[in-house]
């Protein structure tokens, strides 16, 4: 009887460790892929970037060709005003939620932009979505897609997904 209880306890512990390890692996995959997406933004690599954007968001933006035009326009605007994205930092994903055959989570993101003699710090939240049990993740920045626009672009978001309110940019003057 004692042996049977011990074996049962051991199996329960192994099962819990396996579930915990799988959860950690998903969080790691989310963070790695979010960092790859951030590198694509820094490199202005639209081809790579669209692989991390939900198809509906790409389509709503007018497709990849329109995104290339938008990138070029944004690059000219940023250069004209001495603006440059210097760094993007990806935080740790929040709770992973399973909803309507998707895995969903939020991921904090901090973007540092040089603007003339100042530095602008933008804190935002990415919504991470996987449709293949966590192998590949798509990301949507809630500072761009929020409120009704987010609901239209991602109609299958879980009501349990907590998206923090948009934060005001921090401006640090006279960068030395």
C-alpha atoms as a PDB file:
ATOM      1  CA  UNK A   1       0.000   0.000   0.000  1.00  0.00           C
ATOM      2  CA  UNK A   2       2.810   2.420   0.917  1.00  0.00           C
ATOM      3  CA  UNK A   3       4.693   1.500  -2.270  1.00  0.00           C
ATOM      4  CA  UNK A   4       1.576   2.164  -4.399  1.00  0.00           C
ATOM      5  CA  UNK A   5       1.078   5.609  -2.763  1.00  0.00           C
ATOM      6  CA  UNK A   6       4.752   6.439  -3.260  1.00  0.00           C
ATOM      7  CA  UNK A   7       4.611   5.511  -6.939  1.00  0.00           C
ATOM      8  CA  UNK A   8       1.424   7.537  -7.397  1.00  0.00           C
ATOM      9  CA  UNK A   9       3.016  10.541  -5.668  1.00  0.00           C
ATOM     10  CA  UNK A  10       6.142  10.206  -7.836  1.00  0.00           C
ATOM     11  CA  UNK A  11       4.029  10.111 -11.018  1.00  0.00           C
ATOM     12  CA  UNK A  12       2.093  13.204  -9.928  1.00  0.00           C
ATOM     13  CA  UNK A  13       5.369  15.064  -9.252  1.00  0.00           C
ATOM     14  CA  UNK A  14       6.776  14.060 -12.655  1.00  0.00           C
ATOM     15  CA  UNK A  15       3.549  15.180 -14.340  1.00  0.00           C
ATOM     16  CA  UNK A  16       3.651  18.564 -12.565  1.00  0.00           C
ATOM     17  CA  UNK A  17       7.297  19.077 -13.515  1.00  0.00           C
ATOM     18  CA  UNK A  18       6.487  18.252 -17.140  1.00  0.00           C
ATOM     19  CA  UNK A  19       3.601  20.748 -17.223  1.00  0.00           C
ATOM     20  CA  UNK A  20       5.822  23.396 -15.601  1.00  0.00           C
ATOM     21  CA  UNK A  21       8.650  22.735 -18.076  1.00  0.00           C
ATOM     22  CA  UNK A  22       6.282  22.947 -21.063  1.00  0.00           C
ATOM     23  CA  UNK A  23       4.876  26.257 -19.796  1.00  0.00           C
ATOM     24  CA  UNK A  24       8.404  27.644 -19.374  1.00  0.00           C
ATOM     25  CA  UNK A  25       9.290  26.494 -22.888  1.00  0.00           C
ATOM     26  CA  UNK A  26       6.314  28.380 -24.346  1.00  0.00           C
ATOM     27  CA  UNK A  27       7.331  31.550 -22.512  1.00  0.00           C
ATOM     28  CA  UNK A  28      10.880  31.159 -23.840  1.00  0.00           C
ATOM     29  CA  UNK A  29       9.634  30.636 -27.410  1.00  0.00           C
ATOM     30  CA  UNK A  30       7.407  33.715 -27.152  1.00  0.00           C
ATOM     31  CA  UNK A  31      10.272  35.870 -25.911  1.00  0.00           C
ATOM     32  CA  UNK A  32      12.745  34.582 -28.521  1.00  0.00           C
ATOM     33  CA  UNK A  33      10.300  35.155 -31.365  1.00  0.00           C
ATOM     34  CA  UNK A  34       9.348  38.608 -30.042  1.00  0.00           C
ATOM     35  CA  UNK A  35      13.064  39.458 -29.976  1.00  0.00           C
ATOM     36  CA  UNK A  36      13.416  38.229 -33.577  1.00  0.00           C
ATOM     37  CA  UNK A  37      10.484  40.448 -34.535  1.00  0.00           C
ATOM     38  CA  UNK A  38      12.136  43.400 -32.738  1.00  0.00           C
ATOM     39  CA  UNK A  39      15.384  42.781 -34.666  1.00  0.00           C
ATOM     40  CA  UNK A  40      13.351  42.867 -37.903  1.00  0.00           C
ATOM     41  CA  UNK A  41      11.909  46.250 -36.873  1.00  0.00           C
ATOM     42  CA  UNK A  42      15.399  47.604 -36.111  1.00  0.00           C
ATOM     43  CA  UNK A  43      16.719  46.278 -39.437  1.00  0.00           C
ATOM     44  CA  UNK A  44      13.633  47.659 -41.255  1.00  0.00           C
ATOM     45  CA  UNK A  45      13.165  44.154 -42.660  1.00  0.00           C
ATOM     46  CA  UNK A  46       9.487  44.091 -43.676  1.00  0.00           C
ATOM     47  CA  UNK A  47       9.823  40.597 -45.203  1.00  0.00           C
ATOM     48  CA  UNK A  48      10.837  39.190 -41.813  1.00  0.00           C
ATOM     49  CA  UNK A  49       8.445  41.432 -39.876  1.00  0.00           C
ATOM     50  CA  UNK A  50       5.321  40.217 -41.697  1.00  0.00           C
ATOM     51  CA  UNK A  51       6.117  36.635 -40.647  1.00  0.00           C
ATOM     52  CA  UNK A  52       5.384  37.804 -37.090  1.00  0.00           C
ATOM     53  CA  UNK A  53       2.190  39.683 -37.937  1.00  0.00           C
ATOM     54  CA  UNK A  54      -1.240  38.007 -38.086  1.00  0.00           C
ATOM     55  CA  UNK A  55      -2.435  37.651 -41.691  1.00  0.00           C
ATOM     56  CA  UNK A  56      -5.535  39.753 -40.948  1.00  0.00           C
ATOM     57  CA  UNK A  57      -3.377  42.627 -39.684  1.00  0.00           C
ATOM     58  CA  UNK A  58      -1.180  42.465 -42.811  1.00  0.00           C
ATOM     59  CA  UNK A  59      -4.288  42.367 -45.012  1.00  0.00           C
ATOM     60  CA  UNK A  60      -5.907  45.266 -43.102  1.00  0.00           C
ATOM     61  CA  UNK A  61      -2.723  47.281 -43.693  1.00  0.00           C
ATOM     62  CA  UNK A  62      -3.121  46.729 -47.448  1.00  0.00           C
ATOM     63  CA  UNK A  63      -0.723  43.800 -47.772  1.00  0.00           C
ATOM     64  CA  UNK A  64       3.038  43.529 -47.757  1.00  0.00           C
ATOM     65  CA  UNK A  65       3.480  45.971 -50.657  1.00  0.00           C
ATOM     66  CA  UNK A  66       1.648  48.724 -48.750  1.00  0.00           C
ATOM     67  CA  UNK A  67       3.731  47.931 -45.664  1.00  0.00           C
ATOM     68  CA  UNK A  68       6.909  48.399 -47.737  1.00  0.00           C
ATOM     69  CA  UNK A  69       5.648  51.809 -48.899  1.00  0.00           C
ATOM     70  CA  UNK A  70       4.725  52.725 -45.304  1.00  0.00           C
ATOM     71  CA  UNK A  71       8.206  51.661 -44.150  1.00  0.00           C
ATOM     72  CA  UNK A  72       9.860  53.865 -46.777  1.00  0.00           C
ATOM     73  CA  UNK A  73       7.650  56.828 -45.873  1.00  0.00           C
ATOM     74  CA  UNK A  74       8.315  56.333 -42.165  1.00  0.00           C
ATOM     75  CA  UNK A  75      12.082  56.049 -42.778  1.00  0.00           C
ATOM     76  CA  UNK A  76      12.088  59.359 -44.732  1.00  0.00           C
ATOM     77  CA  UNK A  77      10.025  61.058 -42.013  1.00  0.00           C
ATOM     78  CA  UNK A  78      12.277  59.752 -39.241  1.00  0.00           C
ATOM     79  CA  UNK A  79      15.449  60.778 -41.081  1.00  0.00           C
ATOM     80  CA  UNK A  80      14.009  64.252 -41.747  1.00  0.00           C
ATOM     81  CA  UNK A  81      13.407  64.763 -38.024  1.00  0.00           C
ATOM     82  CA  UNK A  82      16.562  63.044 -36.802  1.00  0.00           C
ATOM     83  CA  UNK A  83      14.644  60.158 -35.283  1.00  0.00           C
ATOM     84  CA  UNK A  84      16.003  56.632 -35.029  1.00  0.00           C
ATOM     85  CA  UNK A  85      14.870  53.557 -33.149  1.00  0.00           C
ATOM     86  CA  UNK A  86      17.916  52.710 -31.050  1.00  0.00           C
ATOM     87  CA  UNK A  87      16.764  49.757 -28.992  1.00  0.00           C
ATOM     88  CA  UNK A  88      13.770  47.488 -28.388  1.00  0.00           C
ATOM     89  CA  UNK A  89      13.605  45.494 -25.175  1.00  0.00           C
ATOM     90  CA  UNK A  90      11.216  42.582 -24.799  1.00  0.00           C
ATOM     91  CA  UNK A  91       9.972  41.678 -21.322  1.00  0.00           C
ATOM     92  CA  UNK A  92       8.722  38.380 -19.984  1.00  0.00           C
ATOM     93  CA  UNK A  93       5.375  37.124 -21.286  1.00  0.00           C
ATOM     94  CA  UNK A  94       2.354  37.156 -19.016  1.00  0.00           C
ATOM     95  CA  UNK A  95       0.009  34.251 -18.379  1.00  0.00           C
ATOM     96  CA  UNK A  96      -0.563  32.081 -21.453  1.00  0.00           C
ATOM     97  CA  UNK A  97      -4.267  31.578 -22.137  1.00  0.00           C
ATOM     98  CA  UNK A  98      -5.813  28.904 -24.337  1.00  0.00           C
ATOM     99  CA  UNK A  99      -8.884  30.279 -26.129  1.00  0.00           C
ATOM    100  CA  UNK A 100     -10.667  29.319 -29.367  1.00  0.00           C
ATOM    101  CA  UNK A 101      -7.850  27.018 -30.582  1.00  0.00           C
ATOM    102  CA  UNK A 102      -5.242  29.733 -29.937  1.00  0.00           C
ATOM    103  CA  UNK A 103      -2.643  30.375 -27.287  1.00  0.00           C
ATOM    104  CA  UNK A 104      -2.565  34.033 -26.252  1.00  0.00           C
ATOM    105  CA  UNK A 105      -0.391  36.130 -23.967  1.00  0.00           C
ATOM    106  CA  UNK A 106       0.770  39.686 -23.453  1.00  0.00           C
ATOM    107  CA  UNK A 107       4.405  40.729 -23.652  1.00  0.00           C
ATOM    108  CA  UNK A 108       5.824  44.045 -22.401  1.00  0.00           C
ATOM    109  CA  UNK A 109       7.951  45.963 -24.889  1.00  0.00           C
ATOM    110  CA  UNK A 110      10.099  49.053 -24.396  1.00  0.00           C
ATOM    111  CA  UNK A 111      11.276  51.025 -27.429  1.00  0.00           C
ATOM    112  CA  UNK A 112      13.984  53.656 -27.201  1.00  0.00           C
ATOM    113  CA  UNK A 113      13.918  56.293 -29.941  1.00  0.00           C
ATOM    114  CA  UNK A 114      16.566  58.969 -30.472  1.00  0.00           C
ATOM    115  CA  UNK A 115      14.789  62.158 -31.508  1.00  0.00           C
ATOM    116  CA  UNK A 116      17.012  65.151 -32.214  1.00  0.00           C
ATOM    117  CA  UNK A 117      18.878  65.757 -28.941  1.00  0.00           C
ATOM    118  CA  UNK A 118      16.377  63.792 -26.879  1.00  0.00           C
ATOM    119  CA  UNK A 119      15.526  60.212 -26.144  1.00  0.00           C
ATOM    120  CA  UNK A 120      11.928  58.993 -26.140  1.00  0.00           C
ATOM    121  CA  UNK A 121      11.025  55.848 -24.215  1.00  0.00           C
ATOM    122  CA  UNK A 122       7.844  54.110 -25.371  1.00  0.00           C
ATOM    123  CA  UNK A 123       6.420  51.351 -23.178  1.00  0.00           C
ATOM    124  CA  UNK A 124       3.821  49.199 -24.868  1.00  0.00           C
ATOM    125  CA  UNK A 125       2.280  45.759 -24.767  1.00  0.00           C
ATOM    126  CA  UNK A 126       2.381  43.141 -27.482  1.00  0.00           C
ATOM    127  CA  UNK A 127      -0.438  40.646 -27.844  1.00  0.00           C
ATOM    128  CA  UNK A 128       1.148  37.294 -28.722  1.00  0.00           C
ATOM    129  CA  UNK A 129      -0.961  34.707 -30.533  1.00  0.00           C
ATOM    130  CA  UNK A 130      -0.154  31.174 -31.640  1.00  0.00           C
ATOM    131  CA  UNK A 131      -2.437  29.045 -33.779  1.00  0.00           C
ATOM    132  CA  UNK A 132      -0.127  25.996 -33.778  1.00  0.00           C
ATOM    133  CA  UNK A 133       0.191  25.213 -30.046  1.00  0.00           C
ATOM    134  CA  UNK A 134       3.118  27.582 -29.518  1.00  0.00           C
ATOM    135  CA  UNK A 135       5.462  26.710 -32.365  1.00  0.00           C
ATOM    136  CA  UNK A 136       5.075  30.092 -34.086  1.00  0.00           C
ATOM    137  CA  UNK A 137       3.852  33.340 -32.535  1.00  0.00           C
ATOM    138  CA  UNK A 138       2.324  36.437 -34.094  1.00  0.00           C
ATOM    139  CA  UNK A 139       2.529  39.831 -32.389  1.00  0.00           C
ATOM    140  CA  UNK A 140       0.369  42.949 -32.401  1.00  0.00           C
ATOM    141  CA  UNK A 141       1.478  46.144 -30.652  1.00  0.00           C
ATOM    142  CA  UNK A 142      -1.400  47.521 -28.580  1.00  0.00           C
ATOM    143  CA  UNK A 143      -0.040  51.059 -28.859  1.00  0.00           C
ATOM    144  CA  UNK A 144      -0.920  50.855 -32.577  1.00  0.00           C
ATOM    145  CA  UNK A 145      -3.891  48.495 -32.395  1.00  0.00           C
ATOM    146  CA  UNK A 146      -6.044  49.281 -29.372  1.00  0.00           C
ATOM    147  CA  UNK A 147      -9.671  49.522 -28.402  1.00  0.00           C
ATOM    148  CA  UNK A 148     -12.102  48.803 -31.226  1.00  0.00           C
ATOM    149  CA  UNK A 149      -9.305  48.511 -33.801  1.00  0.00           C
ATOM    150  CA  UNK A 150      -7.735  45.683 -31.768  1.00  0.00           C
ATOM    151  CA  UNK A 151     -11.088  43.894 -31.449  1.00  0.00           C
ATOM    152  CA  UNK A 152     -11.676  44.163 -35.208  1.00  0.00           C
ATOM    153  CA  UNK A 153      -8.164  42.978 -36.054  1.00  0.00           C
ATOM    154  CA  UNK A 154      -8.148  40.170 -33.483  1.00  0.00           C
ATOM    155  CA  UNK A 155     -11.785  39.157 -32.972  1.00  0.00           C
ATOM    156  CA  UNK A 156     -10.867  35.938 -31.128  1.00  0.00           C
ATOM    157  CA  UNK A 157      -9.050  37.554 -28.200  1.00  0.00           C
ATOM    158  CA  UNK A 158      -9.818  35.967 -24.868  1.00  0.00           C
ATOM    159  CA  UNK A 159     -11.750  38.164 -22.425  1.00  0.00           C
ATOM    160  CA  UNK A 160      -9.261  36.869 -19.815  1.00  0.00           C
ATOM    161  CA  UNK A 161      -6.336  38.539 -21.598  1.00  0.00           C
ATOM    162  CA  UNK A 162      -5.411  41.596 -19.547  1.00  0.00           C
ATOM    163  CA  UNK A 163      -4.028  44.399 -21.698  1.00  0.00           C
ATOM    164  CA  UNK A 164      -2.588  47.246 -19.630  1.00  0.00           C
ATOM    165  CA  UNK A 165      -3.577  50.806 -20.536  1.00  0.00           C
ATOM    166  CA  UNK A 166      -1.337  52.677 -22.973  1.00  0.00           C
ATOM    167  CA  UNK A 167       1.422  54.614 -21.222  1.00  0.00           C
ATOM    168  CA  UNK A 168       2.489  58.119 -22.134  1.00  0.00           C
ATOM    169  CA  UNK A 169       5.947  58.338 -23.742  1.00  0.00           C
ATOM    170  CA  UNK A 170       8.814  59.427 -21.501  1.00  0.00           C
ATOM    171  CA  UNK A 171      10.993  62.151 -22.983  1.00  0.00           C
ATOM    172  CA  UNK A 172      14.530  62.501 -21.731  1.00  0.00           C
ATOM    173  CA  UNK A 173      16.029  65.757 -23.015  1.00  0.00           C
ATOM    174  CA  UNK A 174      19.524  66.664 -24.179  1.00  0.00           C
ATOM    175  CA  UNK A 175      20.978  63.185 -24.662  1.00  0.00           C
ATOM    176  CA  UNK A 176      24.666  63.312 -23.788  1.00  0.00           C
END
